[in-house]
C-alpha atoms as a PDB file:
ATOM      1  CA  MET A   1      -7.726  21.096  69.025  1.00  0.00           C
ATOM      2  CA  THR A   2      -7.742  24.040  71.134  1.00  0.00           C
ATOM      3  CA  LEU A   3      -8.177  23.558  74.630  1.00  0.00           C
ATOM      4  CA  TYR A   4     -10.307  24.962  77.581  1.00  0.00           C
ATOM      5  CA  ARG A   5     -10.742  25.056  81.243  1.00  0.00           C
ATOM      6  CA  LYS A   6     -14.142  24.523  82.654  1.00  0.00           C
ATOM      7  CA  VAL A   7     -15.941  27.427  83.715  1.00  0.00           C
ATOM      8  CA  PHE A   8     -18.467  26.921  86.249  1.00  0.00           C
ATOM      9  CA  TRP A   9     -20.921  30.274  86.108  1.00  0.00           C
ATOM     10  CA  CYS A  10     -23.620  31.634  88.520  1.00  0.00           C
ATOM     11  CA  ALA A  11     -26.863  32.160  86.654  1.00  0.00           C
ATOM     12  CA  ASP A  12     -27.739  35.161  88.938  1.00  0.00           C
ATOM     13  CA  CYS A  13     -24.562  36.927  88.495  1.00  0.00           C
ATOM     14  CA  THR A  14     -21.570  37.230  86.486  1.00  0.00           C
ATOM     15  CA  MET A  15     -19.324  35.370  88.414  1.00  0.00           C
ATOM     16  CA  GLY A  16     -17.389  32.207  87.023  1.00  0.00           C
ATOM     17  CA  PHE A  17     -15.475  30.060  88.916  1.00  0.00           C
ATOM     18  CA  TYR A  18     -12.786  27.308  88.027  1.00  0.00           C
ATOM     19  CA  ASP A  19     -13.751  25.149  90.521  1.00  0.00           C
ATOM     20  CA  ASP A  20     -17.234  23.548  90.862  1.00  0.00           C
ATOM     21  CA  ASP A  21     -17.578  23.548  95.064  1.00  0.00           C
ATOM     22  CA  ASP A  22     -16.569  27.557  94.900  1.00  0.00           C
ATOM     23  CA  ARG A  23     -19.321  28.318  92.886  1.00  0.00           C
ATOM     24  CA  ASP A  24     -21.152  25.878  95.028  1.00  0.00           C
ATOM     25  CA  ASN A  25     -19.937  28.019  97.626  1.00  0.00           C
ATOM     26  CA  HIS A  26     -20.809  31.232  95.901  1.00  0.00           C
ATOM     27  CA  CYS A  27     -24.375  30.435  95.281  1.00  0.00           C
ATOM     28  CA  TYR A  28     -25.381  29.142  98.537  1.00  0.00           C
ATOM     29  CA  HIS A  29     -24.250  32.394 100.233  1.00  0.00           C
ATOM     30  CA  GLU A  30     -25.827  34.663  97.675  1.00  0.00           C
ATOM     31  CA  ASP A  31     -29.153  32.487  97.598  1.00  0.00           C
ATOM     32  CA  HIS A  32     -28.173  32.065  93.641  1.00  0.00           C
ATOM     33  CA  ASP A  33     -29.275  29.264  91.589  1.00  0.00           C
ATOM     34  CA  HIS A  34     -26.422  27.261  89.412  1.00  0.00           C
ATOM     35  CA  GLY A  35     -25.607  28.529  86.107  1.00  0.00           C
ATOM     36  CA  THR A  36     -24.032  26.692  82.985  1.00  0.00           C
ATOM     37  CA  VAL A  37     -20.421  25.421  82.460  1.00  0.00           C
ATOM     38  CA  GLY A  38     -18.650  27.538  80.119  1.00  0.00           C
ATOM     39  CA  PHE A  39     -14.908  28.094  78.532  1.00  0.00           C
ATOM     40  CA  GLY A  40     -12.101  29.494  80.103  1.00  0.00           C
ATOM     41  CA  CYS A  41      -8.516  30.654  78.134  1.00  0.00           C
ATOM     42  CA  TYR A  42      -5.789  28.532  79.060  1.00  0.00           C
ATOM     43  CA  VAL A  43      -3.487  31.636  78.827  1.00  0.00           C
ATOM     44  CA  CYS A  44      -5.564  34.426  80.232  1.00  0.00           C
ATOM     45  CA  THR A  45      -8.646  34.770  82.840  1.00  0.00           C
ATOM     46  CA  ALA A  46     -10.963  35.233  79.976  1.00  0.00           C
ATOM     47  CA  ALA A  47     -13.922  33.185  80.519  1.00  0.00           C
ATOM     48  CA  PHE A  48     -17.069  33.065  77.918  1.00  0.00           C
ATOM     49  CA  ARG A  49     -20.131  31.135  78.096  1.00  0.00           C
ATOM     50  CA  LYS A  50     -19.990  30.222  74.635  1.00  0.00           C
ATOM     51  CA  GLN A  51     -17.249  27.957  73.037  1.00  0.00           C
ATOM     52  CA  SER A  52     -17.369  29.852  69.523  1.00  0.00           C
ATOM     53  CA  ASN A  53     -16.400  33.087  71.848  1.00  0.00           C
ATOM     54  CA  LEU A  54     -14.049  31.524  73.569  1.00  0.00           C
ATOM     55  CA  LEU A  55     -12.481  30.152  69.634  1.00  0.00           C
ATOM     56  CA  GLU A  56     -12.575  33.885  68.507  1.00  0.00           C
ATOM     57  CA  HIS A  57     -10.505  35.025  71.525  1.00  0.00           C
ATOM     58  CA  THR A  58      -7.806  32.590  71.178  1.00  0.00           C
ATOM     59  CA  ARG A  59      -7.754  32.911  66.913  1.00  0.00           C
ATOM     60  CA  ILE A  60      -7.303  37.015  68.205  1.00  0.00           C
ATOM     61  CA  LYS A  61      -5.093  36.870  71.127  1.00  0.00           C
ATOM     62  CA  GLY A  62      -2.852  33.957  69.695  1.00  0.00           C
ATOM     63  CA  HIS A  63      -3.495  32.129  73.237  1.00  0.00           C
ATOM     64  CA  SER A  64      -4.541  28.758  71.485  1.00  0.00           C
ATOM     65  CA  ARG A  65      -3.471  25.590  73.311  1.00  0.00           C
ATOM     66  CA  TYR A  66      -2.888  22.212  71.645  1.00  0.00           C
ATOM     67  CA  GLU A  67      -2.059  19.103  73.477  1.00  0.00           C
ATOM     68  CA  CYS A  68       0.421  16.144  72.517  1.00  0.00           C
ATOM     69  CA  ASP A  69      -2.299  13.188  72.595  1.00  0.00           C
ATOM     70  CA  GLU A  70       0.033  10.617  73.418  1.00  0.00           C
ATOM     71  CA  CYS A  71       1.429  12.742  76.762  1.00  0.00           C
ATOM     72  CA  GLY A  72      -0.836  15.230  77.273  1.00  0.00           C
ATOM     73  CA  ARG A  73       2.294  18.510  76.934  1.00  0.00           C
ATOM     74  CA  LEU A  74       0.632  21.178  75.650  1.00  0.00           C
ATOM     75  CA  PHE A  75       2.251  23.606  73.120  1.00  0.00           C
ATOM     76  CA  ALA A  76       1.405  27.041  72.363  1.00  0.00           C
ATOM     77  CA  THR A  77       1.535  26.201  68.342  1.00  0.00           C
ATOM     78  CA  GLU A  78       0.159  23.663  66.391  1.00  0.00           C
ATOM     79  CA  GLU A  79       3.618  24.094  64.637  1.00  0.00           C
ATOM     80  CA  ALA A  80       5.122  23.275  67.996  1.00  0.00           C
ATOM     81  CA  ARG A  81       3.147  20.338  68.912  1.00  0.00           C
ATOM     82  CA  THR A  82       3.724  18.540  65.602  1.00  0.00           C
ATOM     83  CA  LYS A  83       7.625  18.742  65.758  1.00  0.00           C
ATOM     84  CA  HIS A  84       7.689  17.397  69.093  1.00  0.00           C
ATOM     85  CA  GLU A  85       5.283  14.364  68.475  1.00  0.00           C
ATOM     86  CA  VAL A  86       7.952  13.890  65.811  1.00  0.00           C
ATOM     87  CA  GLU A  87      11.035  13.752  67.598  1.00  0.00           C
ATOM     88  CA  ALA A  88       9.644  12.711  70.734  1.00  0.00           C
ATOM     89  CA  HIS A  89       7.195  10.040  69.755  1.00  0.00           C
ATOM     90  CA  PHE A  90       8.201   9.274  66.016  1.00  0.00           C
ATOM     91  CA  PHE A  91       4.495   9.959  65.247  1.00  0.00           C
ATOM     92  CA  CYS A  92       3.021  11.392  61.734  1.00  0.00           C
ATOM     93  CA  ARG A  93      -0.420  13.469  62.857  1.00  0.00           C
ATOM     94  CA  GLU A  94      -1.403  13.664  59.180  1.00  0.00           C
ATOM     95  CA  CYS A  95      -1.359   9.844  58.216  1.00  0.00           C
ATOM     96  CA  VAL A  96      -1.838   8.731  61.710  1.00  0.00           C
ATOM     97  CA  ARG A  97       1.090   6.485  62.233  1.00  0.00           C
ATOM     98  CA  PHE A  98       3.919   5.890  64.631  1.00  0.00           C
ATOM     99  CA  PHE A  99       7.584   4.809  63.324  1.00  0.00           C
ATOM    100  CA  GLN A 100      10.154   3.132  65.105  1.00  0.00           C
ATOM    101  CA  SER A 101      12.950   5.443  65.115  1.00  0.00           C
ATOM    102  CA  ILE A 102      13.615   9.473  64.285  1.00  0.00           C
ATOM    103  CA  ASN A 103      15.412   7.861  61.063  1.00  0.00           C
ATOM    104  CA  ASN A 104      12.164   5.996  59.761  1.00  0.00           C
ATOM    105  CA  ILE A 105      10.108   9.042  60.137  1.00  0.00           C
ATOM    106  CA  LYS A 106      12.306  11.600  58.972  1.00  0.00           C
ATOM    107  CA  GLN A 107      12.413   9.414  56.011  1.00  0.00           C
ATOM    108  CA  HIS A 108       8.297   9.221  55.573  1.00  0.00           C
ATOM    109  CA  LEU A 109       7.953  12.900  56.293  1.00  0.00           C
ATOM    110  CA  ASN A 110      10.691  13.319  53.156  1.00  0.00           C
ATOM    111  CA  SER A 111       8.892  10.886  51.137  1.00  0.00           C
ATOM    112  CA  ARG A 112       6.916  11.959  48.045  1.00  0.00           C
ATOM    113  CA  THR A 113       3.763  10.748  50.654  1.00  0.00           C
ATOM    114  CA  HIS A 114       4.016  14.405  52.350  1.00  0.00           C
ATOM    115  CA  ARG A 115       6.275  16.300  49.597  1.00  0.00           C
ATOM    116  CA  GLY A 116       4.951  15.410  45.836  1.00  0.00           C
ATOM    117  CA  GLN A 117       7.662  16.334  43.431  1.00  0.00           C
ATOM    118  CA  GLU A 118       8.979  19.482  43.909  1.00  0.00           C
ATOM    119  CA  ILE A 119      12.102  19.066  42.610  1.00  0.00           C
ATOM    120  CA  LYS A 120      12.522  19.584  39.181  1.00  0.00           C
ATOM    121  CA  CYS A 121      14.939  18.857  36.056  1.00  0.00           C
ATOM    122  CA  PRO A 122      16.831  22.111  35.105  1.00  0.00           C
ATOM    123  CA  PHE A 123      16.428  20.171  31.186  1.00  0.00           C
ATOM    124  CA  CYS A 124      13.370  18.562  30.846  1.00  0.00           C
ATOM    125  CA  PRO A 125       9.932  18.118  32.724  1.00  0.00           C
ATOM    126  CA  ASN A 126      10.697  15.386  34.814  1.00  0.00           C
ATOM    127  CA  SER A 127      10.515  16.360  38.563  1.00  0.00           C
ATOM    128  CA  TYR A 128      11.545  14.420  41.780  1.00  0.00           C
ATOM    129  CA  THR A 129      10.560  14.003  45.074  1.00  0.00           C
ATOM    130  CA  THR A 130      14.500  14.709  46.188  1.00  0.00           C
ATOM    131  CA  ALA A 131      17.577  16.435  45.229  1.00  0.00           C
ATOM    132  CA  THR A 132      18.912  12.504  45.088  1.00  0.00           C
ATOM    133  CA  GLY A 133      16.310  12.037  42.536  1.00  0.00           C
ATOM    134  CA  MET A 134      16.864  14.639  40.327  1.00  0.00           C
ATOM    135  CA  THR A 135      20.494  14.101  40.208  1.00  0.00           C
ATOM    136  CA  HIS A 136      20.886  10.171  39.726  1.00  0.00           C
ATOM    137  CA  HIS A 137      18.591  11.424  36.833  1.00  0.00           C
ATOM    138  CA  LEU A 138      21.234  13.860  35.474  1.00  0.00           C
ATOM    139  CA  GLU A 139      24.011  11.255  36.280  1.00  0.00           C
ATOM    140  CA  SER A 140      23.210   8.036  34.742  1.00  0.00           C
ATOM    141  CA  GLY A 141      22.367   9.920  31.409  1.00  0.00           C
ATOM    142  CA  SER A 142      19.171   9.427  31.810  1.00  0.00           C
ATOM    143  CA  CYS A 143      17.721  12.900  31.119  1.00  0.00           C
ATOM    144  CA  ARG A 144      16.528  13.423  26.913  1.00  0.00           C
ATOM    145  CA  ASN A 145      17.410  16.878  26.848  1.00  0.00           C
ATOM    146  CA  ALA A 146      20.870  16.882  28.213  1.00  0.00           C
ATOM    147  CA  PRO A 147      22.366  13.282  26.846  1.00  0.00           C
ATOM    148  CA  SER A 148      25.873  13.977  27.439  1.00  0.00           C
ATOM    149  CA  LEU A 149      25.642  14.617  31.028  1.00  0.00           C
ATOM    150  CA  ASN A 150      27.152  12.102  32.975  1.00  0.00           C
ATOM    151  CA  ARG A 151      28.699  10.513  36.307  1.00  0.00           C
ATOM    152  CA  ASP A 152      32.289  11.881  34.716  1.00  0.00           C
ATOM    153  CA  SER A 153      30.548  15.228  33.000  1.00  0.00           C
ATOM    154  CA  ILE A 154      28.509  16.105  36.671  1.00  0.00           C
ATOM    155  CA  TYR A 155      31.945  15.350  38.552  1.00  0.00           C
ATOM    156  CA  LYS A 156      34.027  17.613  35.943  1.00  0.00           C
ATOM    157  CA  PHE A 157      31.451  20.385  36.606  1.00  0.00           C
ATOM    158  CA  VAL A 158      31.330  20.243  40.057  1.00  0.00           C
ATOM    159  CA  ARG A 159      34.898  19.823  40.459  1.00  0.00           C
ATOM    160  CA  SER A 160      35.217  23.129  38.468  1.00  0.00           C
ATOM    161  CA  LYS A 161      32.831  25.023  40.900  1.00  0.00           C
ATOM    162  CA  ASP A 162      34.614  23.465  43.890  1.00  0.00           C
ATOM    163  CA  PRO A 163      38.781  24.897  43.575  1.00  0.00           C
ATOM    164  CA  SER A 164      38.659  24.170  47.533  1.00  0.00           C
ATOM    165  CA  GLY A 165      37.949  20.536  47.546  1.00  0.00           C
ATOM    166  CA  LEU A 166      34.694  20.784  49.876  1.00  0.00           C
ATOM    167  CA  ILE A 167      33.114  17.407  48.697  1.00  0.00           C
ATOM    168  CA  SER A 168      34.736  16.671  45.201  1.00  0.00           C
ATOM    169  CA  LYS A 169      38.077  14.904  45.676  1.00  0.00           C
ATOM    170  CA  LYS A 170      41.579  16.125  44.026  1.00  0.00           C
ATOM    171  CA  LEU A 171      42.202  13.548  41.650  1.00  0.00           C
ATOM    172  CA  ILE A 172      45.594  14.042  40.124  1.00  0.00           C
ATOM    173  CA  GLY A 173      45.643  12.426  36.610  1.00  0.00           C
ATOM    174  CA  TRP A 174      42.123  11.258  36.066  1.00  0.00           C
ATOM    175  CA  GLU A 175      40.630  11.157  32.689  1.00  0.00           C
ATOM    176  CA  GLY A 176      37.119   9.421  33.523  1.00  0.00           C
ATOM    177  CA  THR A 177      35.714   5.937  33.896  1.00  0.00           C
ATOM    178  CA  PHE A 178      36.458   3.571  31.081  1.00  0.00           C
ATOM    179  CA  GLN A 179      32.980   3.284  29.219  1.00  0.00           C
ATOM    180  CA  ASN A 180      33.463  -0.204  28.728  1.00  0.00           C
ATOM    181  CA  THR A 181      30.503  -2.316  28.873  1.00  0.00           C
ATOM    182  CA  TYR A 182      30.304  -5.338  31.293  1.00  0.00           C
ATOM    183  CA  THR A 183      28.694  -8.723  30.477  1.00  0.00           C
ATOM    184  CA  CYS A 184      28.885 -11.574  32.992  1.00  0.00           C
ATOM    185  CA  ASN A 185      29.349 -15.409  31.735  1.00  0.00           C
ATOM    186  CA  ASP A 186      28.135 -18.814  32.845  1.00  0.00           C
ATOM    187  CA  ARG A 187      31.100 -18.667  35.445  1.00  0.00           C
ATOM    188  CA  ALA A 188      29.768 -16.162  37.575  1.00  0.00           C
ATOM    189  CA  TRP A 189      27.101 -18.794  39.022  1.00  0.00           C
ATOM    190  CA  ASN A 190      28.131 -20.203  42.295  1.00  0.00           C
ATOM    191  CA  GLY A 191      25.363 -22.866  42.175  1.00  0.00           C
ATOM    192  CA  TYR A 192      23.324 -20.403  44.573  1.00  0.00           C
ATOM    193  CA  GLN A 193      23.549 -17.358  42.806  1.00  0.00           C
ATOM    194  CA  TRP A 194      25.196 -15.144  40.032  1.00  0.00           C
ATOM    195  CA  GLU A 195      28.486 -13.713  42.235  1.00  0.00           C
ATOM    196  CA  CYS A 196      30.242 -10.281  41.744  1.00  0.00           C
ATOM    197  CA  TYR A 197      34.149 -11.794  41.067  1.00  0.00           C
ATOM    198  CA  LEU A 198      35.220  -8.534  42.819  1.00  0.00           C
ATOM    199  CA  CYS A 199      33.217  -7.982  45.667  1.00  0.00           C
ATOM    200  CA  HIS A 200      31.301 -11.225  45.955  1.00  0.00           C
ATOM    201  CA  LYS A 201      28.192  -9.949  46.273  1.00  0.00           C
ATOM    202  CA  GLY A 202      25.087 -12.422  44.755  1.00  0.00           C
ATOM    203  CA  PHE A 203      22.378 -11.665  42.641  1.00  0.00           C
ATOM    204  CA  GLY A 204      19.161 -13.532  41.821  1.00  0.00           C
ATOM    205  CA  THR A 205      19.628 -12.925  38.052  1.00  0.00           C
ATOM    206  CA  SER A 206      22.512 -12.592  35.258  1.00  0.00           C
ATOM    207  CA  HIS A 207      20.633  -9.404  34.748  1.00  0.00           C
ATOM    208  CA  GLY A 208      20.698  -8.242  37.697  1.00  0.00           C
ATOM    209  CA  LEU A 209      24.922  -8.775  38.000  1.00  0.00           C
ATOM    210  CA  ASN A 210      25.224  -7.136  34.694  1.00  0.00           C
ATOM    211  CA  GLN A 211      23.662  -4.238  36.103  1.00  0.00           C
ATOM    212  CA  HIS A 212      26.282  -4.146  39.017  1.00  0.00           C
ATOM    213  CA  LEU A 213      29.063  -4.461  37.136  1.00  0.00           C
ATOM    214  CA  ASN A 214      28.349  -1.521  35.119  1.00  0.00           C
ATOM    215  CA  SER A 215      27.336   0.605  37.883  1.00  0.00           C
ATOM    216  CA  PRO A 216      29.505   3.000  39.967  1.00  0.00           C
ATOM    217  CA  ALA A 217      29.761   0.288  42.845  1.00  0.00           C
ATOM    218  CA  HIS A 218      34.083  -0.618  41.706  1.00  0.00           C
ATOM    219  CA  GLN A 219      34.802   2.181  40.717  1.00  0.00           C
ATOM    220  CA  GLN A 220      36.774   5.438  42.265  1.00  0.00           C
ATOM    221  CA  ASN A 221      35.228   7.564  44.542  1.00  0.00           C
ATOM    222  CA  LEU A 222      35.026  10.852  43.669  1.00  0.00           C
ATOM    223  CA  TYR A 223      33.532  12.550  46.348  1.00  0.00           C
ATOM    224  CA  HIS A 224      33.549  13.366  49.780  1.00  0.00           C
ATOM    225  CA  CYS A 225      31.378  14.402  53.090  1.00  0.00           C
ATOM    226  CA  PRO A 226      32.401  17.977  54.018  1.00  0.00           C
ATOM    227  CA  ASN A 227      31.856  17.168  57.356  1.00  0.00           C
ATOM    228  CA  ARG A 228      35.435  16.777  58.744  1.00  0.00           C
ATOM    229  CA  SER A 229      34.513  14.759  61.616  1.00  0.00           C
ATOM    230  CA  CYS A 230      32.983  12.409  59.036  1.00  0.00           C
ATOM    231  CA  ARG A 231      34.317  12.312  55.687  1.00  0.00           C
ATOM    232  CA  GLN A 232      32.898   9.725  53.966  1.00  0.00           C
ATOM    233  CA  ASP A 233      33.988   9.209  50.413  1.00  0.00           C
ATOM    234  CA  PHE A 234      31.188   8.372  47.790  1.00  0.00           C
ATOM    235  CA  LYS A 235      30.963   7.269  43.824  1.00  0.00           C
ATOM    236  CA  THR A 236      28.397   9.749  42.872  1.00  0.00           C
ATOM    237  CA  LEU A 237      26.982  12.698  42.898  1.00  0.00           C
ATOM    238  CA  ALA A 238      23.625  11.348  44.057  1.00  0.00           C
ATOM    239  CA  ALA A 239      25.155   8.757  46.655  1.00  0.00           C
ATOM    240  CA  ILE A 240      26.455  12.342  48.892  1.00  0.00           C
ATOM    241  CA  ILE A 241      23.494  13.978  48.120  1.00  0.00           C
ATOM    242  CA  ASN A 242      21.849  11.069  49.429  1.00  0.00           C
ATOM    243  CA  HIS A 243      23.932  11.234  52.292  1.00  0.00           C
ATOM    244  CA  LEU A 244      23.779  15.051  53.015  1.00  0.00           C
ATOM    245  CA  GLU A 245      19.802  14.704  52.726  1.00  0.00           C
ATOM    246  CA  SER A 246      19.628  11.396  55.905  1.00  0.00           C
ATOM    247  CA  GLU A 247      21.673  14.434  57.874  1.00  0.00           C
ATOM    248  CA  LYS A 248      23.173  11.130  59.673  1.00  0.00           C
ATOM    249  CA  CYS A 249      26.035  13.213  60.306  1.00  0.00           C
ATOM    250  CA  GLY A 250      24.672  16.495  60.911  1.00  0.00           C
ATOM    251  CA  ALA A 251      26.519  18.504  58.165  1.00  0.00           C
ATOM    252  CA  MET A 252      23.450  20.091  56.822  1.00  0.00           C
ATOM    253  CA  ARG A 253      19.635  19.940  56.772  1.00  0.00           C
ATOM    254  CA  PHE A 254      17.584  18.344  54.425  1.00  0.00           C
ATOM    255  CA  GLU A 255      15.829  21.073  53.390  1.00  0.00           C
ATOM    256  CA  GLN A 256      18.967  23.019  52.963  1.00  0.00           C
ATOM    257  CA  VAL A 257      19.750  20.196  50.459  1.00  0.00           C
ATOM    258  CA  GLN A 258      16.793  20.850  48.297  1.00  0.00           C
ATOM    259  CA  LYS A 259      17.252  24.636  48.329  1.00  0.00           C
ATOM    260  CA  ASN A 260      21.137  24.363  47.069  1.00  0.00           C
ATOM    261  CA  ILE A 261      20.436  21.712  44.445  1.00  0.00           C
ATOM    262  CA  HIS A 262      19.666  24.081  41.653  1.00  0.00           C
ATOM    263  CA  GLY A 263      22.204  26.464  42.180  1.00  0.00           C
ATOM    264  CA  MET A 264      24.702  23.839  41.679  1.00  0.00           C
ATOM    265  CA  VAL A 265      23.506  22.293  39.184  1.00  0.00           C
ATOM    266  CA  ASN A 266      22.979  25.310  36.438  1.00  0.00           C
ATOM    267  CA  GLY A 267      26.548  26.581  38.005  1.00  0.00           C
ATOM    268  CA  ASN A 268      24.932  29.889  39.453  1.00  0.00           C
ATOM    269  CA  ARG A 269      27.726  30.063  41.817  1.00  0.00           C
ATOM    270  CA  LEU A 270      31.049  28.159  43.673  1.00  0.00           C
ATOM    271  CA  ILE A 271      30.064  25.365  46.221  1.00  0.00           C
ATOM    272  CA  GLY A 272      30.334  26.709  49.517  1.00  0.00           C
ATOM    273  CA  TYR A 273      27.954  24.661  51.956  1.00  0.00           C
END
């Protein structure tokens, strides 16, 4: 919406006033008639009798003013207003929806609702909303055109591109993950749920517990956050990318992660965030 100031015109001359009392005074002393209410630019003194002329003026001069519906603050551009509404009010204008925190609305704005699926797998036609989704696709061995890729092979590749250990841990003597398949037995049922004997996490089904046992949950950490003030450890590349996308520690912006992911998985350069 383009805002405007009301202009009170004199019907008998070209004079316009921002205050109707001033217009009334003028008309009284000059014996002129009252004119219509016009449209004044918020940035300069230009005034128009038709709103279409004001809109043309603001478009050409870049004098548009955009108002925050919540607090009434004015902004020179629509982008600036949108940024303010997100950061100050946790409001998504496109969806007309409020959120409880800045993290909640950032997750919403970075979801499929707003981003679609623009991150493409470099080996197959699959597309994903975020770099995390695409990395998990490769790391879990789900890409039909790259069946040899998994958590271990991707870690070896990342280590070869990360000699300084910026995100990968230097694991001396690491030979890979044991490729055993684990299946729970009836003793895992504790009377209430299926319980992992390593972390005591409970699951509603034995299948859920088996998935947990065969996931990287209890495997060695392979990565760490590049932010020295954070240095959180992660077991998978998808997990550290998800951490970076969240912007929790400020290591990098969400957009930067999406931009850099293809260079990483294609091996175009050494890793250097």
